[in-house]
PDB file of N, CA and C in Angstrom:
ATOM      1  N   MET A   1      -9.433  67.426  75.751  1.00  0.00           N
ATOM      2  CA  MET A   1     -10.700  66.849  76.173  1.00  0.00           C
ATOM      3  C   MET A   1     -11.814  67.870  75.989  1.00  0.00           C
ATOM      4  N   GLN A   2     -12.906  67.406  75.459  1.00  0.00           N
ATOM      5  CA  GLN A   2     -14.016  68.292  75.145  1.00  0.00           C
ATOM      6  C   GLN A   2     -14.911  68.504  76.372  1.00  0.00           C
ATOM      7  N   ALA A   3     -15.317  69.738  76.592  1.00  0.00           N
ATOM      8  CA  ALA A   3     -16.209  70.045  77.715  1.00  0.00           C
ATOM      9  C   ALA A   3     -17.608  69.514  77.409  1.00  0.00           C
ATOM     10  N   GLU A   4     -18.292  69.103  78.467  1.00  0.00           N
ATOM     11  CA  GLU A   4     -19.682  68.655  78.296  1.00  0.00           C
ATOM     12  C   GLU A   4     -20.524  69.835  77.825  1.00  0.00           C
ATOM     13  N   PRO A   5     -21.400  69.626  76.865  1.00  0.00           N
ATOM     14  CA  PRO A   5     -22.277  70.727  76.439  1.00  0.00           C
ATOM     15  C   PRO A   5     -23.258  71.079  77.564  1.00  0.00           C
ATOM     16  N   GLU A   6     -23.732  72.306  77.531  1.00  0.00           N
ATOM     17  CA  GLU A   6     -24.736  72.735  78.512  1.00  0.00           C
ATOM     18  C   GLU A   6     -25.982  71.869  78.344  1.00  0.00           C
ATOM     19  N   PRO A   7     -26.622  71.511  79.472  1.00  0.00           N
ATOM     20  CA  PRO A   7     -27.854  70.720  79.332  1.00  0.00           C
ATOM     21  C   PRO A   7     -28.967  71.542  78.694  1.00  0.00           C
ATOM     22  N   LYS A   8     -29.874  70.850  78.024  1.00  0.00           N
ATOM     23  CA  LYS A   8     -31.066  71.497  77.465  1.00  0.00           C
ATOM     24  C   LYS A   8     -32.054  71.665  78.614  1.00  0.00           C
ATOM     25  N   VAL A   9     -32.430  72.896  78.891  1.00  0.00           N
ATOM     26  CA  VAL A   9     -33.323  73.171  80.022  1.00  0.00           C
ATOM     27  C   VAL A   9     -34.775  72.976  79.615  1.00  0.00           C
ATOM     28  N   VAL A  10     -35.488  72.208  80.441  1.00  0.00           N
ATOM     29  CA  VAL A  10     -36.939  72.039  80.301  1.00  0.00           C
ATOM     30  C   VAL A  10     -37.539  72.801  81.477  1.00  0.00           C
ATOM     31  N   ASP A  11     -38.015  74.017  81.219  1.00  0.00           N
ATOM     32  CA  ASP A  11     -38.523  74.865  82.295  1.00  0.00           C
ATOM     33  C   ASP A  11     -39.993  74.546  82.533  1.00  0.00           C
ATOM     34  N   ALA A  12     -40.238  73.723  83.546  1.00  0.00           N
ATOM     35  CA  ALA A  12     -41.606  73.296  83.856  1.00  0.00           C
ATOM     36  C   ALA A  12     -42.070  73.890  85.189  1.00  0.00           C
ATOM     37  N   ARG A  13     -41.464  75.007  85.601  1.00  0.00           N
ATOM     38  CA  ARG A  13     -41.886  75.654  86.845  1.00  0.00           C
ATOM     39  C   ARG A  13     -43.341  76.086  86.720  1.00  0.00           C
ATOM     40  N   GLY A  14     -44.114  75.853  87.773  1.00  0.00           N
ATOM     41  CA  GLY A  14     -45.527  76.215  87.748  1.00  0.00           C
ATOM     42  C   GLY A  14     -46.412  75.117  87.180  1.00  0.00           C
ATOM     43  N   SER A  15     -45.803  74.085  86.626  1.00  0.00           N
ATOM     44  CA  SER A  15     -46.545  72.938  86.100  1.00  0.00           C
ATOM     45  C   SER A  15     -46.555  71.849  87.160  1.00  0.00           C
ATOM     46  N   TYR A  16     -47.632  71.103  87.237  1.00  0.00           N
ATOM     47  CA  TYR A  16     -47.727  70.051  88.242  1.00  0.00           C
ATOM     48  C   TYR A  16     -47.762  68.686  87.594  1.00  0.00           C
ATOM     49  N   CYS A  17     -47.389  67.703  88.368  1.00  0.00           N
ATOM     50  CA  CYS A  17     -47.317  66.320  87.944  1.00  0.00           C
ATOM     51  C   CYS A  17     -48.570  65.935  87.153  1.00  0.00           C
ATOM     52  N   PRO A  18     -48.463  65.269  86.029  1.00  0.00           N
ATOM     53  CA  PRO A  18     -47.220  64.787  85.409  1.00  0.00           C
ATOM     54  C   PRO A  18     -46.624  65.748  84.389  1.00  0.00           C
ATOM     55  N   GLY A  19     -46.985  67.021  84.430  1.00  0.00           N
ATOM     56  CA  GLY A  19     -46.519  67.993  83.436  1.00  0.00           C
ATOM     57  C   GLY A  19     -45.023  68.021  83.202  1.00  0.00           C
ATOM     58  N   PRO A  20     -44.201  68.192  84.274  1.00  0.00           N
ATOM     59  CA  PRO A  20     -42.753  68.240  84.049  1.00  0.00           C
ATOM     60  C   PRO A  20     -42.206  66.974  83.388  1.00  0.00           C
ATOM     61  N   LEU A  21     -42.699  65.820  83.787  1.00  0.00           N
ATOM     62  CA  LEU A  21     -42.252  64.564  83.176  1.00  0.00           C
ATOM     63  C   LEU A  21     -42.677  64.499  81.713  1.00  0.00           C
ATOM     64  N   MET A  22     -43.883  64.922  81.412  1.00  0.00           N
ATOM     65  CA  MET A  22     -44.359  64.911  80.018  1.00  0.00           C
ATOM     66  C   MET A  22     -43.501  65.831  79.149  1.00  0.00           C
ATOM     67  N   GLU A  23     -43.118  66.986  79.699  1.00  0.00           N
ATOM     68  CA  GLU A  23     -42.249  67.912  78.953  1.00  0.00           C
ATOM     69  C   GLU A  23     -40.887  67.266  78.674  1.00  0.00           C
ATOM     70  N   LEU A  24     -40.351  66.559  79.670  1.00  0.00           N
ATOM     71  CA  LEU A  24     -39.066  65.870  79.493  1.00  0.00           C
ATOM     72  C   LEU A  24     -39.179  64.803  78.411  1.00  0.00           C
ATOM     73  N   ILE A  25     -40.232  63.997  78.472  1.00  0.00           N
ATOM     74  CA  ILE A  25     -40.413  62.924  77.487  1.00  0.00           C
ATOM     75  C   ILE A  25     -40.503  63.508  76.077  1.00  0.00           C
ATOM     76  N   LYS A  26     -41.236  64.607  75.933  1.00  0.00           N
ATOM     77  CA  LYS A  26     -41.363  65.265  74.631  1.00  0.00           C
ATOM     78  C   LYS A  26     -39.987  65.710  74.125  1.00  0.00           C
ATOM     79  N   GLY A  27     -39.172  66.281  75.013  1.00  0.00           N
ATOM     80  CA  GLY A  27     -37.834  66.733  74.631  1.00  0.00           C
ATOM     81  C   GLY A  27     -36.915  65.576  74.261  1.00  0.00           C
ATOM     82  N   ILE A  28     -36.967  64.510  75.052  1.00  0.00           N
ATOM     83  CA  ILE A  28     -36.103  63.348  74.806  1.00  0.00           C
ATOM     84  C   ILE A  28     -36.383  62.743  73.437  1.00  0.00           C
ATOM     85  N   ARG A  29     -37.633  62.733  73.031  1.00  0.00           N
ATOM     86  CA  ARG A  29     -37.989  62.161  71.719  1.00  0.00           C
ATOM     87  C   ARG A  29     -37.397  62.951  70.565  1.00  0.00           C
ATOM     88  N   GLN A  30     -37.096  64.234  70.787  1.00  0.00           N
ATOM     89  CA  GLN A  30     -36.659  65.109  69.693  1.00  0.00           C
ATOM     90  C   GLN A  30     -35.144  65.253  69.589  1.00  0.00           C
ATOM     91  N   GLU A  31     -34.394  64.751  70.589  1.00  0.00           N
ATOM     92  CA  GLU A  31     -32.955  64.987  70.607  1.00  0.00           C
ATOM     93  C   GLU A  31     -32.184  63.673  70.488  1.00  0.00           C
ATOM     94  N   PRO A  32     -30.912  63.766  70.044  1.00  0.00           N
ATOM     95  CA  PRO A  32     -30.107  62.555  69.868  1.00  0.00           C
ATOM     96  C   PRO A  32     -29.642  61.950  71.194  1.00  0.00           C
ATOM     97  N   VAL A  33     -29.243  60.687  71.132  1.00  0.00           N
ATOM     98  CA  VAL A  33     -28.667  59.988  72.282  1.00  0.00           C
ATOM     99  C   VAL A  33     -27.459  60.785  72.771  1.00  0.00           C
ATOM    100  N   GLY A  34     -27.307  60.867  74.080  1.00  0.00           N
ATOM    101  CA  GLY A  34     -26.194  61.608  74.668  1.00  0.00           C
ATOM    102  C   GLY A  34     -26.581  62.999  75.126  1.00  0.00           C
ATOM    103  N   THR A  35     -27.740  63.492  74.672  1.00  0.00           N
ATOM    104  CA  THR A  35     -28.205  64.813  75.088  1.00  0.00           C
ATOM    105  C   THR A  35     -28.537  64.788  76.579  1.00  0.00           C
ATOM    106  N   VAL A  36     -28.123  65.836  77.283  1.00  0.00           N
ATOM    107  CA  VAL A  36     -28.455  65.973  78.705  1.00  0.00           C
ATOM    108  C   VAL A  36     -29.537  67.034  78.838  1.00  0.00           C
ATOM    109  N   PHE A  37     -30.565  66.696  79.584  1.00  0.00           N
ATOM    110  CA  PHE A  37     -31.679  67.606  79.854  1.00  0.00           C
ATOM    111  C   PHE A  37     -31.659  67.987  81.324  1.00  0.00           C
ATOM    112  N   GLU A  38     -32.073  69.215  81.636  1.00  0.00           N
ATOM    113  CA  GLU A  38     -32.247  69.616  83.030  1.00  0.00           C
ATOM    114  C   GLU A  38     -33.665  70.136  83.180  1.00  0.00           C
ATOM    115  N   VAL A  39     -34.464  69.394  83.941  1.00  0.00           N
ATOM    116  CA  VAL A  39     -35.854  69.788  84.172  1.00  0.00           C
ATOM    117  C   VAL A  39     -35.885  70.691  85.394  1.00  0.00           C
ATOM    118  N   TRP A  40     -36.501  71.859  85.256  1.00  0.00           N
ATOM    119  CA  TRP A  40     -36.726  72.762  86.383  1.00  0.00           C
ATOM    120  C   TRP A  40     -38.188  72.634  86.758  1.00  0.00           C
ATOM    121  N   SER A  41     -38.453  72.268  88.001  1.00  0.00           N
ATOM    122  CA  SER A  41     -39.827  72.068  88.435  1.00  0.00           C
ATOM    123  C   SER A  41     -40.041  72.641  89.829  1.00  0.00           C
ATOM    124  N   SER A  42     -41.193  73.260  90.014  1.00  0.00           N
ATOM    125  CA  SER A  42     -41.555  73.749  91.346  1.00  0.00           C
ATOM    126  C   SER A  42     -42.397  72.697  92.080  1.00  0.00           C
ATOM    127  N   ASP A  43     -42.655  71.566  91.429  1.00  0.00           N
ATOM    128  CA  ASP A  43     -43.460  70.486  92.013  1.00  0.00           C
ATOM    129  C   ASP A  43     -42.543  69.442  92.642  1.00  0.00           C
ATOM    130  N   ARG A  44     -42.631  69.300  93.971  1.00  0.00           N
ATOM    131  CA  ARG A  44     -41.784  68.354  94.717  1.00  0.00           C
ATOM    132  C   ARG A  44     -41.882  66.932  94.147  1.00  0.00           C
ATOM    133  N   GLY A  45     -43.041  66.550  93.644  1.00  0.00           N
ATOM    134  CA  GLY A  45     -43.226  65.203  93.099  1.00  0.00           C
ATOM    135  C   GLY A  45     -42.276  64.877  91.956  1.00  0.00           C
ATOM    136  N   SER A  46     -41.840  65.906  91.237  1.00  0.00           N
ATOM    137  CA  SER A  46     -40.931  65.685  90.104  1.00  0.00           C
ATOM    138  C   SER A  46     -39.611  65.077  90.547  1.00  0.00           C
ATOM    139  N   ALA A  47     -39.143  65.445  91.742  1.00  0.00           N
ATOM    140  CA  ALA A  47     -37.859  64.947  92.238  1.00  0.00           C
ATOM    141  C   ALA A  47     -37.907  63.438  92.472  1.00  0.00           C
ATOM    142  N   LYS A  48     -39.115  62.890  92.582  1.00  0.00           N
ATOM    143  CA  LYS A  48     -39.279  61.448  92.774  1.00  0.00           C
ATOM    144  C   LYS A  48     -39.740  60.780  91.472  1.00  0.00           C
ATOM    145  N   ASP A  49     -40.709  61.392  90.802  1.00  0.00           N
ATOM    146  CA  ASP A  49     -41.313  60.782  89.613  1.00  0.00           C
ATOM    147  C   ASP A  49     -40.343  60.695  88.435  1.00  0.00           C
ATOM    148  N   ILE A  50     -39.590  61.762  88.197  1.00  0.00           N
ATOM    149  CA  ILE A  50     -38.688  61.766  87.039  1.00  0.00           C
ATOM    150  C   ILE A  50     -37.599  60.700  87.191  1.00  0.00           C
ATOM    151  N   PRO A  51     -36.895  60.622  88.353  1.00  0.00           N
ATOM    152  CA  PRO A  51     -35.888  59.547  88.483  1.00  0.00           C
ATOM    153  C   PRO A  51     -36.477  58.146  88.329  1.00  0.00           C
ATOM    154  N   GLU A  52     -37.701  57.916  88.824  1.00  0.00           N
ATOM    155  CA  GLU A  52     -38.330  56.597  88.659  1.00  0.00           C
ATOM    156  C   GLU A  52     -38.553  56.291  87.182  1.00  0.00           C
ATOM    157  N   TRP A  53     -39.027  57.277  86.428  1.00  0.00           N
ATOM    158  CA  TRP A  53     -39.261  57.079  84.995  1.00  0.00           C
ATOM    159  C   TRP A  53     -37.936  56.849  84.262  1.00  0.00           C
ATOM    160  N   VAL A  54     -36.906  57.641  84.632  1.00  0.00           N
ATOM    161  CA  VAL A  54     -35.595  57.534  83.984  1.00  0.00           C
ATOM    162  C   VAL A  54     -35.060  56.108  84.105  1.00  0.00           C
ATOM    163  N   LYS A  55     -35.190  55.532  85.303  1.00  0.00           N
ATOM    164  CA  LYS A  55     -34.720  54.167  85.548  1.00  0.00           C
ATOM    165  C   LYS A  55     -35.480  53.165  84.674  1.00  0.00           C
ATOM    166  N   ARG A  56     -36.793  53.291  84.633  1.00  0.00           N
ATOM    167  CA  ARG A  56     -37.619  52.375  83.827  1.00  0.00           C
ATOM    168  C   ARG A  56     -37.340  52.529  82.336  1.00  0.00           C
ATOM    169  N   ALA A  57     -37.091  53.777  81.905  1.00  0.00           N
ATOM    170  CA  ALA A  57     -36.917  54.052  80.474  1.00  0.00           C
ATOM    171  C   ALA A  57     -35.498  53.756  79.988  1.00  0.00           C
ATOM    172  N   GLY A  58     -34.560  53.510  80.922  1.00  0.00           N
ATOM    173  CA  GLY A  58     -33.206  53.157  80.514  1.00  0.00           C
ATOM    174  C   GLY A  58     -32.293  54.338  80.237  1.00  0.00           C
ATOM    175  N   HIS A  59     -32.619  55.499  80.784  1.00  0.00           N
ATOM    176  CA  HIS A  59     -31.749  56.664  80.640  1.00  0.00           C
ATOM    177  C   HIS A  59     -30.911  56.794  81.913  1.00  0.00           C
ATOM    178  N   GLU A  60     -30.099  57.842  82.002  1.00  0.00           N
ATOM    179  CA  GLU A  60     -29.204  58.007  83.151  1.00  0.00           C
ATOM    180  C   GLU A  60     -29.569  59.260  83.939  1.00  0.00           C
ATOM    181  N   LEU A  61     -29.743  59.092  85.248  1.00  0.00           N
ATOM    182  CA  LEU A  61     -29.976  60.241  86.124  1.00  0.00           C
ATOM    183  C   LEU A  61     -28.622  60.849  86.445  1.00  0.00           C
ATOM    184  N   VAL A  62     -28.416  62.107  86.074  1.00  0.00           N
ATOM    185  CA  VAL A  62     -27.128  62.773  86.264  1.00  0.00           C
ATOM    186  C   VAL A  62     -27.111  63.521  87.595  1.00  0.00           C
ATOM    187  N   LYS A  63     -28.203  64.228  87.895  1.00  0.00           N
ATOM    188  CA  LYS A  63     -28.244  65.080  89.079  1.00  0.00           C
ATOM    189  C   LYS A  63     -29.698  65.280  89.487  1.00  0.00           C
ATOM    190  N   ASN A  64     -29.924  65.385  90.797  1.00  0.00           N
ATOM    191  CA  ASN A  64     -31.273  65.633  91.310  1.00  0.00           C
ATOM    192  C   ASN A  64     -31.109  66.491  92.556  1.00  0.00           C
ATOM    193  N   VAL A  65     -31.272  67.802  92.402  1.00  0.00           N
ATOM    194  CA  VAL A  65     -31.044  68.731  93.514  1.00  0.00           C
ATOM    195  C   VAL A  65     -32.208  69.717  93.641  1.00  0.00           C
ATOM    196  N   GLU A  66     -32.288  70.327  94.814  1.00  0.00           N
ATOM    197  CA  GLU A  66     -33.256  71.412  95.024  1.00  0.00           C
ATOM    198  C   GLU A  66     -32.463  72.677  95.274  1.00  0.00           C
ATOM    199  N   GLU A  67     -32.790  73.733  94.539  1.00  0.00           N
ATOM    200  CA  GLU A  67     -32.147  75.035  94.714  1.00  0.00           C
ATOM    201  C   GLU A  67     -33.232  76.081  94.825  1.00  0.00           C
ATOM    202  N   ASP A  68     -33.330  76.706  96.002  1.00  0.00           N
ATOM    203  CA  ASP A  68     -34.305  77.777  96.232  1.00  0.00           C
ATOM    204  C   ASP A  68     -35.730  77.367  95.865  1.00  0.00           C
ATOM    205  N   GLY A  69     -36.114  76.159  96.260  1.00  0.00           N
ATOM    206  CA  GLY A  69     -37.484  75.705  96.011  1.00  0.00           C
ATOM    207  C   GLY A  69     -37.740  75.194  94.605  1.00  0.00           C
ATOM    208  N   ILE A  70     -36.709  75.180  93.768  1.00  0.00           N
ATOM    209  CA  ILE A  70     -36.851  74.646  92.409  1.00  0.00           C
ATOM    210  C   ILE A  70     -36.082  73.329  92.355  1.00  0.00           C
ATOM    211  N   PHE A  71     -36.749  72.295  91.908  1.00  0.00           N
ATOM    212  CA  PHE A  71     -36.125  70.987  91.770  1.00  0.00           C
ATOM    213  C   PHE A  71     -35.492  70.908  90.385  1.00  0.00           C
ATOM    214  N   LYS A  72     -34.202  70.590  90.363  1.00  0.00           N
ATOM    215  CA  LYS A  72     -33.469  70.504  89.095  1.00  0.00           C
ATOM    216  C   LYS A  72     -33.006  69.063  88.914  1.00  0.00           C
ATOM    217  N   VAL A  73     -33.574  68.415  87.903  1.00  0.00           N
ATOM    218  CA  VAL A  73     -33.283  67.009  87.663  1.00  0.00           C
ATOM    219  C   VAL A  73     -32.615  66.911  86.291  1.00  0.00           C
ATOM    220  N   GLN A  74     -31.362  66.408  86.268  1.00  0.00           N
ATOM    221  CA  GLN A  74     -30.651  66.233  85.001  1.00  0.00           C
ATOM    222  C   GLN A  74     -30.715  64.783  84.564  1.00  0.00           C
ATOM    223  N   VAL A  75     -31.018  64.619  83.281  1.00  0.00           N
ATOM    224  CA  VAL A  75     -31.186  63.279  82.692  1.00  0.00           C
ATOM    225  C   VAL A  75     -30.385  63.229  81.397  1.00  0.00           C
ATOM    226  N   LYS A  76     -29.645  62.122  81.215  1.00  0.00           N
ATOM    227  CA  LYS A  76     -28.913  61.911  79.955  1.00  0.00           C
ATOM    228  C   LYS A  76     -29.630  60.853  79.146  1.00  0.00           C
ATOM    229  N   LYS A  77     -29.948  61.190  77.903  1.00  0.00           N
ATOM    230  CA  LYS A  77     -30.611  60.242  76.998  1.00  0.00           C
ATOM    231  C   LYS A  77     -29.613  59.155  76.616  1.00  0.00           C
ATOM    232  N   MET A  78     -29.961  57.910  76.898  1.00  0.00           N
ATOM    233  CA  MET A  78     -29.033  56.804  76.672  1.00  0.00           C
ATOM    234  C   MET A  78     -29.410  55.906  75.492  1.00  0.00           C
ATOM    235  N   LYS A  79     -30.607  56.050  74.961  1.00  0.00           N
ATOM    236  CA  LYS A  79     -30.979  55.180  73.836  1.00  0.00           C
ATOM    237  C   LYS A  79     -32.023  55.839  72.962  1.00  0.00           C
TER     238      LYS A  79
END
């Protein structure tokens, strides 16, 4: 069985809404279906805004956690 590849990190720390989401959208457009992205954001709004967008856009929310004040949201490109 093949291990999952490391997620592509979108480091948006220090950027405020909608910056982290815009960075994710830009990355998703450039990568193939199945790619997992991990957005790092210091903006609390990202933990809510990104999952809402993911649901509307038809992708998969993999993980949404806060570690040491950094919100880490993992998204899998589904289409």
